[in-house]
Protein backbone atom coordinates (compact mmCIF):
# COMPACT_ATOMS: atom_id res chain seq x y z
CA MET A 1 -1.46 87.83 16.79
CA ALA A 2 -1.44 87.31 12.95
CA LEU A 3 -5.22 87.92 12.75
CA GLU A 4 -4.74 89.69 9.73
CA ASN A 5 -4.03 86.76 8.07
CA LEU A 6 -7.78 86.05 8.61
CA LYS A 7 -8.80 89.19 6.77
CA LYS A 8 -9.09 86.76 3.21
CA TRP A 9 -12.40 85.45 5.27
CA GLU A 10 -14.29 88.91 5.87
CA LYS A 11 -16.22 88.52 2.76
CA GLU A 12 -17.70 85.10 3.63
CA LEU A 13 -18.04 86.13 7.66
CA ASN A 14 -20.10 89.05 6.53
CA THR A 15 -22.01 86.61 4.03
CA CYS A 16 -23.38 84.52 7.09
CA ILE A 17 -26.97 85.55 7.84
CA ARG A 18 -26.80 83.78 11.31
CA CYS A 19 -29.97 82.13 10.41
CA GLY A 20 -28.56 78.59 12.86
CA TYR A 21 -29.25 76.21 10.20
CA CYS A 22 -25.53 74.91 10.60
CA TYR A 23 -26.11 73.88 14.23
CA GLU A 24 -28.89 71.61 13.83
CA ASN A 25 -26.76 68.25 12.98
CA CYS A 26 -23.60 69.62 15.32
CA HIS A 27 -22.41 66.76 17.37
CA ILE A 28 -20.58 69.68 19.87
CA PHE A 29 -23.93 71.44 19.98
CA LYS A 30 -26.12 68.49 20.55
CA LEU A 31 -23.85 67.98 23.65
CA THR A 32 -23.91 71.39 25.32
CA ASN A 33 -26.49 73.37 24.06
CA TRP A 34 -24.36 76.34 24.00
CA GLU A 35 -24.30 79.08 21.20
CA SER A 36 -20.59 79.37 21.49
CA ASP A 37 -20.30 75.79 20.46
CA THR A 38 -22.49 76.22 17.16
CA PRO A 39 -20.61 76.56 13.76
CA ARG A 40 -22.30 80.17 13.94
CA GLY A 41 -21.23 80.78 17.12
CA LYS A 42 -17.54 80.17 16.26
CA LEU A 43 -17.86 82.24 12.84
CA ILE A 44 -19.12 85.00 15.11
CA LEU A 45 -16.10 84.46 17.50
CA ALA A 46 -13.93 84.34 14.64
CA TYR A 47 -15.29 87.73 13.32
CA GLY A 48 -15.02 89.59 16.44
CA MET A 49 -11.40 88.37 16.74
CA ILE A 50 -10.15 89.43 13.64
CA ASN A 51 -12.07 92.95 13.91
CA GLY A 52 -10.37 93.50 17.73
CA ASP A 53 -14.24 93.55 18.95
CA ILE A 54 -12.82 90.70 21.39
CA GLU A 55 -9.28 89.20 22.94
CA PRO A 56 -8.47 85.41 21.84
CA THR A 57 -8.56 83.62 25.00
CA GLU A 58 -8.00 79.88 26.13
CA ASP A 59 -11.63 79.41 26.35
CA ILE A 60 -12.32 80.69 22.92
CA ALA A 61 -9.22 78.71 21.57
CA LYS A 62 -11.03 75.36 22.84
CA LYS A 63 -13.95 75.78 21.42
CA ILE A 64 -12.48 76.84 17.87
CA PHE A 65 -10.38 73.16 18.51
CA GLU A 66 -13.56 71.61 19.11
CA CYS A 67 -15.04 70.13 15.65
CA PHE A 68 -15.82 66.94 14.14
CA TYR A 69 -15.00 68.09 10.72
CA CYS A 70 -18.74 66.26 9.76
CA ARG A 71 -19.19 69.35 7.61
CA LEU A 72 -22.79 69.14 8.29
CA CYS A 73 -22.91 72.69 8.65
CA GLU A 74 -21.86 73.50 5.48
CA ALA A 75 -24.35 71.47 3.89
CA GLY A 76 -26.82 72.95 5.48
CA CYS A 77 -25.83 76.66 4.78
CA SER A 78 -27.75 78.33 2.58
CA ALA A 79 -25.37 80.86 2.00
CA LYS A 80 -22.63 78.16 1.14
CA VAL A 81 -20.12 79.93 3.57
CA PRO A 82 -16.78 77.56 3.70
CA VAL A 83 -17.22 77.00 7.59
CA THR A 84 -14.19 74.29 8.16
CA GLU A 85 -12.03 76.42 6.05
CA ILE A 86 -12.34 79.33 8.03
CA LEU A 87 -11.91 77.51 11.25
CA THR A 88 -9.18 75.41 10.14
CA ASP A 89 -7.05 78.68 9.42
CA VAL A 90 -8.02 80.15 12.67
CA ARG A 91 -7.02 77.29 14.40
CA GLN A 92 -3.60 77.75 12.94
CA VAL A 93 -3.36 81.30 13.90
CA LEU A 94 -4.09 80.67 17.52
CA LEU A 95 -1.58 77.63 17.52
CA ASP A 96 0.98 79.68 16.19
CA ASP A 97 0.16 82.56 18.93
CA GLY A 98 0.50 79.73 21.46
CA PHE A 99 -2.83 78.35 22.39
CA ASP A 100 -1.68 74.85 22.42
CA VAL A 101 -5.31 73.56 23.91
CA GLU A 102 -6.97 70.42 24.11
CA GLY A 103 -9.59 69.64 21.40
CA THR A 104 -11.68 66.75 19.78
CA HIS A 105 -8.42 65.49 17.78
CA VAL A 106 -6.72 62.50 18.97
CA GLU A 107 -4.27 62.31 21.54
CA VAL A 108 -1.11 60.12 21.45
CA ASP A 109 0.13 58.54 24.56
CA GLU A 110 4.17 58.74 23.65
CA ASP A 111 4.82 55.97 26.55
CA LYS A 112 3.07 53.42 24.40
CA CYS A 113 3.75 54.82 21.05
CA CYS A 114 6.03 51.92 19.12
CA GLY A 115 6.68 54.52 16.13
CA CYS A 116 5.63 51.97 13.45
CA GLY A 117 4.09 54.44 11.46
CA ILE A 118 0.68 52.41 10.79
CA CYS A 119 -1.41 55.53 12.04
CA VAL A 120 0.39 57.74 8.82
CA SER A 121 -0.75 55.38 6.97
CA VAL A 122 -4.40 55.27 7.55
CA CYS A 123 -4.45 59.43 8.03
CA LYS A 124 -6.08 60.60 4.91
CA PRO A 125 -6.14 64.31 6.01
CA GLU A 126 -2.49 63.56 6.94
CA ALA A 127 -2.57 64.88 10.29
CA THR A 128 0.17 62.39 11.56
CA THR A 129 3.76 62.04 10.89
CA LEU A 130 7.00 60.42 12.77
CA LYS A 131 9.15 62.86 14.52
CA GLU A 132 12.50 61.82 15.76
CA GLU A 133 13.34 61.73 19.41
CA ASN A 134 16.46 60.60 21.60
CA GLY A 135 16.83 58.41 18.53
CA ASP A 136 13.40 56.71 18.62
CA LYS A 137 10.29 57.35 16.42
CA LEU A 138 7.03 58.48 18.07
CA ALA A 139 4.00 59.78 16.37
CA THR A 140 2.70 63.07 16.67
CA VAL A 141 -0.50 65.05 15.15
CA ASP A 142 -0.85 68.20 13.70
CA LYS A 143 -3.91 69.44 15.96
CA VAL A 144 -4.76 72.01 13.22
CA LYS A 145 -5.52 68.98 10.70
CA CYS A 146 -6.53 66.16 12.39
CA GLU A 147 -10.33 65.63 11.94
CA ALA A 148 -10.78 63.65 15.13
CA CYS A 149 -12.53 60.47 12.55
CA GLY A 150 -10.83 57.94 14.87
CA VAL A 151 -9.47 55.79 12.12
CA CYS A 152 -6.11 55.60 13.41
CA THR A 153 -7.09 54.57 17.17
CA VAL A 154 -8.23 51.28 15.87
CA ALA A 155 -5.20 50.59 13.72
CA CYS A 156 -2.70 51.36 16.38
CA PRO A 157 -1.06 48.45 17.69
CA SER A 158 -0.25 49.44 20.93
CA GLY A 159 -3.25 51.25 22.11
CA ALA A 160 -1.21 54.89 21.82
CA ARG A 161 -3.94 56.95 20.43
CA GLU A 162 -7.81 57.98 21.27
CA LEU A 163 -9.81 60.57 21.09
CA LYS A 164 -10.40 62.69 23.99
CA GLU A 165 -13.31 61.61 26.69
CA GLY A 166 -16.30 64.14 26.85
CA TYR A 167 -17.72 63.53 23.47
CA GLU A 168 -19.51 60.29 24.07
CA VAL A 169 -17.55 58.74 21.05
CA SER A 170 -14.23 57.81 22.93
CA ARG A 171 -13.87 53.80 23.07
CA LYS A 172 -13.97 53.97 26.87
CA GLU A 173 -17.29 56.08 26.60
CA LEU A 174 -18.97 53.61 24.04
CA ASP A 175 -18.14 50.48 26.13
CA ALA A 176 -19.74 52.12 29.09
CA LYS A 177 -22.81 52.60 26.99
CA ILE A 178 -22.96 48.96 25.89
CA ASP A 179 -22.72 47.94 29.42
CA LYS A 180 -25.42 50.01 30.74
CA PHE A 181 -27.71 48.75 28.13
CA VAL A 182 -26.84 45.15 28.75
CA LYS A 183 -27.55 45.55 32.40
CA GLU A 184 -31.17 47.18 31.38
CA LYS A 185 -34.01 44.45 32.13
CA LEU A 186 -36.51 44.10 29.20
CA PRO A 187 -39.62 42.23 29.31
CA ASP A 188 -39.28 38.33 28.96
CA ASP A 189 -40.91 38.74 25.57
CA ALA A 190 -38.49 41.06 24.02
CA LYS A 191 -36.28 40.18 21.42
CA GLU A 192 -32.24 39.47 21.96
CA LYS A 193 -30.31 42.56 22.75
CA THR A 194 -28.16 44.03 19.46
CA VAL A 195 -26.22 47.19 18.88
CA THR A 196 -26.28 49.46 16.06
CA PHE A 197 -23.16 51.66 15.09
CA CYS A 198 -23.97 54.86 13.28
CA CYS A 199 -21.24 56.84 11.38
CA ASN A 200 -21.89 60.53 11.96
CA TRP A 201 -20.63 61.75 8.84
CA SER A 202 -23.93 60.01 6.94
CA VAL A 203 -27.17 58.76 8.35
CA PHE A 204 -27.16 59.23 12.24
CA PRO A 205 -27.83 63.00 12.18
CA GLY A 206 -31.04 62.44 10.40
CA LEU A 207 -31.93 60.17 13.36
CA ARG A 208 -31.45 63.19 15.90
CA LEU A 209 -34.08 65.53 13.47
CA SER A 210 -36.97 62.96 14.32
CA VAL A 211 -38.41 60.76 17.38
CA LEU A 212 -38.20 57.08 15.75
CA PRO A 213 -39.68 54.16 16.87
CA PHE A 214 -36.47 51.85 16.07
CA GLU A 215 -33.67 54.33 17.15
CA ASP A 216 -33.64 53.59 20.81
CA LYS A 217 -36.61 50.54 21.10
CA GLU A 218 -36.11 48.41 24.11
CA SER A 219 -33.98 45.52 22.41
CA ASN A 220 -31.55 47.39 20.28
CA LYS A 221 -29.38 50.59 21.19
CA THR A 222 -28.17 52.94 18.27
CA LEU A 223 -24.54 54.50 19.08
CA VAL A 224 -22.70 57.43 17.41
CA THR A 225 -19.55 56.54 16.51
CA MET A 226 -17.95 59.91 14.88
CA CYS A 227 -16.36 57.03 11.62
CA THR A 228 -17.69 53.56 11.55
CA GLY A 229 -13.67 52.53 10.74
CA ARG A 230 -13.64 53.28 14.72
CA VAL A 231 -15.62 50.38 15.21
CA ASP A 232 -12.85 47.66 15.63
CA PRO A 233 -13.24 43.94 15.63
CA GLU A 234 -12.27 43.95 19.79
CA MET A 235 -14.99 46.06 20.55
CA ILE A 236 -17.82 43.87 18.81
CA VAL A 237 -16.21 40.84 20.71
CA GLN A 238 -16.51 42.51 23.89
CA ALA A 239 -19.85 43.53 23.22
CA MET A 240 -20.71 39.89 22.77
CA ARG A 241 -18.98 38.54 25.65
CA ASP A 242 -20.93 41.15 27.77
CA GLY A 243 -24.25 39.94 26.60
CA ILE A 244 -24.61 41.53 23.44
CA ALA A 245 -26.56 39.09 20.65
CA GLY A 246 -25.53 40.70 17.72
CA VAL A 247 -23.53 43.82 15.89
CA LEU A 248 -25.11 46.15 12.91
CA ILE A 249 -22.65 48.64 11.41
CA SER A 250 -23.95 51.02 9.26
CA ALA A 251 -21.23 52.91 7.13
CA CYS A 252 -21.22 55.60 4.03
CA PRO A 253 -21.30 53.49 0.90
CA LEU A 254 -18.02 52.79 -0.45
CA GLY A 255 -16.99 55.43 -2.19
CA GLU A 256 -18.13 57.60 -0.29
CA CYS A 257 -16.78 58.04 3.21
CA GLU A 258 -14.74 60.97 3.96
CA HIS A 259 -11.57 59.14 5.49
CA ASP A 260 -11.89 55.74 3.00
CA ALA A 261 -12.48 53.96 6.28
CA ASN A 262 -15.60 51.63 5.03
CA TYR A 263 -12.90 50.03 3.16
CA LYS A 264 -10.99 49.24 6.33
CA THR A 265 -14.08 48.34 7.85
CA LEU A 266 -15.24 45.74 5.41
CA ARG A 267 -12.31 44.15 5.81
CA ARG A 268 -12.26 44.10 9.25
CA VAL A 269 -15.53 42.76 9.34
CA LEU A 270 -14.98 39.83 6.95
CA LEU A 271 -12.17 38.81 9.24
CA LEU A 272 -14.07 38.80 12.34
CA LYS A 273 -16.62 36.47 10.84
CA LYS A 274 -14.10 34.02 10.00
CA MET A 275 -12.67 34.30 13.48
CA LEU A 276 -16.20 33.86 14.99
CA GLN A 277 -16.90 30.69 12.65
CA GLN A 278 -13.98 29.29 14.49
CA LEU A 279 -15.65 30.17 17.71
CA ASN A 280 -18.58 28.48 16.95
CA ILE A 281 -19.90 31.53 17.02
CA GLU A 282 -22.79 32.48 14.07
CA PRO A 283 -21.20 35.00 11.82
CA GLU A 284 -24.61 36.09 11.20
CA ARG A 285 -24.53 38.20 14.22
CA VAL A 286 -22.40 40.50 12.68
CA LYS A 287 -23.45 42.53 9.85
CA LEU A 288 -21.98 45.45 7.84
CA THR A 289 -24.80 47.59 6.03
CA TRP A 290 -24.03 50.43 3.61
CA VAL A 291 -26.84 53.62 4.24
CA ASP A 292 -26.31 56.96 2.93
CA THR A 293 -27.09 60.11 4.15
CA ASN A 294 -31.36 60.89 4.79
CA GLU A 295 -31.92 56.97 4.27
CA VAL A 296 -33.27 56.65 7.55
CA ALA A 297 -36.18 54.27 6.21
CA LYS A 298 -33.70 52.11 5.15
CA LEU A 299 -31.76 52.18 8.29
CA GLU A 300 -35.07 51.43 10.19
CA LYS A 301 -35.62 47.97 7.46
CA GLU A 302 -32.35 47.03 8.49
CA ILE A 303 -32.44 47.04 12.20
CA ASN A 304 -35.85 45.26 12.30
CA SER A 305 -34.35 42.67 9.85
CA PHE A 306 -31.15 42.24 11.93
CA SER A 307 -32.69 42.20 14.96
CA GLU A 308 -35.42 39.20 13.91
CA GLU A 309 -32.68 37.19 12.70
CA VAL A 310 -30.48 37.77 15.81
CA SER A 311 -33.56 36.57 17.85
CA LYS A 312 -34.02 33.23 15.69
CA LEU A 313 -30.27 32.71 17.06
CA GLY A 314 -30.64 32.94 20.46
CA THR A 315 -28.37 34.23 23.08
CA VAL A 316 -24.29 34.00 22.01
CA THR A 317 -21.92 32.59 24.43
CA VAL A 318 -17.95 34.04 23.85
CA GLU A 319 -15.83 32.47 25.63
């Protein structure tokens, strides 16, 4: 195994003081609570492999390939260790050595892929390319480069791309959470039900550090989506059809999205509002707001204000 190629990172790995600040906002760790799923734990695994203390296995490779590249671990690292750069190089070494495991990266259903190339145009990390196979063009994902933002899953016209289930961010899992919320019985004096989608890269991690009165109050359900570029019009309309009276999207401010997806979200919301008007549905039932990291108070104000506005509109009927 070409682990010697990772020797260049020994200084940085020795710089890590194992404090644990890196996993306070780690989505994977929040799901499993396993030390080996934390950025710190993955760095320790990498250090052990480089020094020959442990042998690479499929289980270790799977953990290394589970990362949503929010880079919040680096933001919280007092030692300034380039965690994602190190783990990306480890991914490449493991993949080159035959550890072709499943992770958080986007998966492609080749039977559905039409080879249009739209996914290539929206992938900022350049993780998607088209390959020739039996005279046809098919999209393929570089498992090392893919940052699992999921923007391409919304852009794909044939539904050939999706994030792997099991991390609570796939389309099916988000739909299931909305469906469960719709079925919950509320007090007679409760406001109309609303759903808030929050970007994992910006404000949502701050919500997890505190118990906030608005986060999961009875009339609003706050959901994390890896990137608001994944909130497509179909998901919003389906939520309204199921009984949700309004949808609020909390996106990174323009120019600050790692994937430039908030521009795509803005265009989609503007088009959706026009479509809702044609269906005689108030466009005010969908709102896009810009909330930066640490602006939890602003998000609270936005949710409360939106909830009041939607309650005045009453229930919605989508044919």
